[in-house]
PDB file of N, CA and C in Angstrom:
ATOM      1  N   MET A   1       0.772  -0.976   0.060  1.00  0.00           N
ATOM      2  CA  MET A   1       0.224  -0.289  -0.115  1.00  0.00           C
ATOM      3  C   MET A   1       0.829   1.422   0.261  1.00  0.00           C
ATOM      4  N   PRO A   2       1.016   1.995  -0.679  1.00  0.00           N
ATOM      5  CA  PRO A   2       1.571   3.123  -1.044  1.00  0.00           C
ATOM      6  C   PRO A   2       1.238   4.296   0.073  1.00  0.00           C
ATOM      7  N   TYR A   3       2.171   4.887   0.498  1.00  0.00           N
ATOM      8  CA  TYR A   3       2.306   5.915   1.555  1.00  0.00           C
ATOM      9  C   TYR A   3       2.040   7.412   0.703  1.00  0.00           C
ATOM     10  N   VAL A   4       0.364   7.714   1.102  1.00  0.00           N
ATOM     11  CA  VAL A   4       0.202   9.135   0.338  1.00  0.00           C
ATOM     12  C   VAL A   4      -0.407  10.244   1.408  1.00  0.00           C
ATOM     13  N   THR A   5       0.329  11.429   1.634  1.00  0.00           N
ATOM     14  CA  THR A   5       0.019  12.218   2.546  1.00  0.00           C
ATOM     15  C   THR A   5      -0.898  13.181   1.802  1.00  0.00           C
ATOM     16  N   PRO A   6      -2.497  13.692   2.319  1.00  0.00           N
ATOM     17  CA  PRO A   6      -3.328  14.418   1.916  1.00  0.00           C
ATOM     18  C   PRO A   6      -2.598  15.722   1.769  1.00  0.00           C
ATOM     19  N   ARG A   7      -2.394  16.195   2.802  1.00  0.00           N
ATOM     20  CA  ARG A   7      -1.896  17.924   3.045  1.00  0.00           C
ATOM     21  C   ARG A   7       0.036  17.937   2.777  1.00  0.00           C
ATOM     22  N   GLN A   8       0.472  19.024   2.095  1.00  0.00           N
ATOM     23  CA  GLN A   8       1.835  19.027   1.940  1.00  0.00           C
ATOM     24  C   GLN A   8       2.339  19.326   3.500  1.00  0.00           C
ATOM     25  N   ASP A   9       1.809  20.350   4.135  1.00  0.00           N
ATOM     26  CA  ASP A   9       2.445  20.894   5.349  1.00  0.00           C
ATOM     27  C   ASP A   9       2.407  19.720   6.466  1.00  0.00           C
ATOM     28  N   THR A  10       1.838  18.734   6.266  1.00  0.00           N
ATOM     29  CA  THR A  10       2.243  17.589   7.560  1.00  0.00           C
ATOM     30  C   THR A  10       2.795  16.473   6.790  1.00  0.00           C
ATOM     31  N   CYS A  11       3.473  16.811   5.474  1.00  0.00           N
ATOM     32  CA  CYS A  11       4.282  15.648   4.714  1.00  0.00           C
ATOM     33  C   CYS A  11       5.183  15.171   5.391  1.00  0.00           C
ATOM     34  N   ARG A  12       6.114  16.368   5.867  1.00  0.00           N
ATOM     35  CA  ARG A  12       7.327  15.908   6.842  1.00  0.00           C
ATOM     36  C   ARG A  12       7.188  14.885   7.571  1.00  0.00           C
ATOM     37  N   GLU A  13       6.536  15.282   8.651  1.00  0.00           N
ATOM     38  CA  GLU A  13       6.087  14.722   9.759  1.00  0.00           C
ATOM     39  C   GLU A  13       5.953  13.342   9.642  1.00  0.00           C
ATOM     40  N   GLN A  14       4.704  13.352   8.679  1.00  0.00           N
ATOM     41  CA  GLN A  14       3.902  11.844   8.313  1.00  0.00           C
ATOM     42  C   GLN A  14       4.959  11.204   8.024  1.00  0.00           C
ATOM     43  N   THR A  15       6.026  11.402   6.925  1.00  0.00           N
ATOM     44  CA  THR A  15       6.922  10.887   6.363  1.00  0.00           C
ATOM     45  C   THR A  15       7.939  10.175   7.374  1.00  0.00           C
ATOM     46  N   ALA A  16       8.467  11.148   8.157  1.00  0.00           N
ATOM     47  CA  ALA A  16       9.244  10.486   9.214  1.00  0.00           C
ATOM     48  C   ALA A  16       8.840   9.520   9.975  1.00  0.00           C
ATOM     49  N   GLN A  17       7.551   9.741  10.273  1.00  0.00           N
ATOM     50  CA  GLN A  17       6.509   8.524  11.109  1.00  0.00           C
ATOM     51  C   GLN A  17       6.742   7.192  10.304  1.00  0.00           C
ATOM     52  N   CYS A  18       6.243   7.353   8.941  1.00  0.00           N
ATOM     53  CA  CYS A  18       6.272   6.384   7.935  1.00  0.00           C
ATOM     54  C   CYS A  18       7.555   5.756   7.688  1.00  0.00           C
ATOM     55  N   LEU A  19       8.718   6.265   7.913  1.00  0.00           N
ATOM     56  CA  LEU A  19       9.934   5.609   7.722  1.00  0.00           C
ATOM     57  C   LEU A  19      10.577   5.337   8.933  1.00  0.00           C
ATOM     58  N   ILE A  20      10.068   5.567  10.060  1.00  0.00           N
ATOM     59  CA  ILE A  20       9.979   4.999  11.540  1.00  0.00           C
ATOM     60  C   ILE A  20       9.856   3.778  11.628  1.00  0.00           C
ATOM     61  N   LYS A  21       8.517   3.346  11.148  1.00  0.00           N
ATOM     62  CA  LYS A  21       7.788   2.467  11.324  1.00  0.00           C
ATOM     63  C   LYS A  21       7.969   1.241  10.112  1.00  0.00           C
ATOM     64  N   LYS A  22       8.505   1.517   9.147  1.00  0.00           N
ATOM     65  CA  LYS A  22       9.229   0.877   7.915  1.00  0.00           C
ATOM     66  C   LYS A  22      10.540   0.150   8.482  1.00  0.00           C
ATOM     67  N   PHE A  23      11.116   1.410   9.294  1.00  0.00           N
ATOM     68  CA  PHE A  23      12.434   0.864  10.374  1.00  0.00           C
ATOM     69  C   PHE A  23      12.411  -0.128  10.990  1.00  0.00           C
ATOM     70  N   GLU A  24      11.342  -0.027  12.038  1.00  0.00           N
ATOM     71  CA  GLU A  24      11.085  -1.004  12.833  1.00  0.00           C
ATOM     72  C   GLU A  24      10.427  -2.331  12.313  1.00  0.00           C
ATOM     73  N   LEU A  25       9.960  -2.020  11.440  1.00  0.00           N
ATOM     74  CA  LEU A  25       9.488  -3.435  10.839  1.00  0.00           C
ATOM     75  C   LEU A  25      10.560  -4.130  10.380  1.00  0.00           C
ATOM     76  N   SER A  26      11.305  -3.458   9.632  1.00  0.00           N
ATOM     77  CA  SER A  26      12.855  -4.211   9.138  1.00  0.00           C
ATOM     78  C   SER A  26      13.359  -4.774   9.874  1.00  0.00           C
ATOM     79  N   LEU A  27      13.558  -4.203  11.464  1.00  0.00           N
ATOM     80  CA  LEU A  27      14.344  -4.683  12.242  1.00  0.00           C
ATOM     81  C   LEU A  27      13.700  -5.605  12.847  1.00  0.00           C
ATOM     82  N   CYS A  28      12.430  -5.936  12.906  1.00  0.00           N
ATOM     83  CA  CYS A  28      11.634  -6.876  13.435  1.00  0.00           C
ATOM     84  C   CYS A  28      11.801  -8.248  12.754  1.00  0.00           C
ATOM     85  N   ILE A  29      11.801  -7.832  11.565  1.00  0.00           N
ATOM     86  CA  ILE A  29      11.715  -9.097  10.496  1.00  0.00           C
ATOM     87  C   ILE A  29      13.341  -9.623  10.374  1.00  0.00           C
ATOM     88  N   SER A  30      14.417  -8.632  10.352  1.00  0.00           N
ATOM     89  CA  SER A  30      15.925  -9.141  10.368  1.00  0.00           C
ATOM     90  C   SER A  30      15.878 -10.114  11.672  1.00  0.00           C
ATOM     91  N   SER A  31      15.638  -9.371  12.830  1.00  0.00           N
ATOM     92  CA  SER A  31      15.543  -9.936  14.239  1.00  0.00           C
ATOM     93  C   SER A  31      15.168 -11.485  14.134  1.00  0.00           C
ATOM     94  N   GLN A  32      14.004 -12.030  13.377  1.00  0.00           N
ATOM     95  CA  GLN A  32      13.169 -13.116  13.596  1.00  0.00           C
ATOM     96  C   GLN A  32      13.906 -14.087  12.538  1.00  0.00           C
ATOM     97  N   GLY A  33      14.397 -13.450  11.286  1.00  0.00           N
ATOM     98  CA  GLY A  33      14.870 -14.517  10.547  1.00  0.00           C
ATOM     99  C   GLY A  33      16.666 -14.351  10.556  1.00  0.00           C
TER     100      GLY A  33
END
């Protein structure tokens, strides 16, 4: 599912949160594998 921000003013914060979640998910996957 692609990550889309409806408003430009919150784009930076939401993108940062999205990247953090993706990073945590990748850590979880790598630690399990």
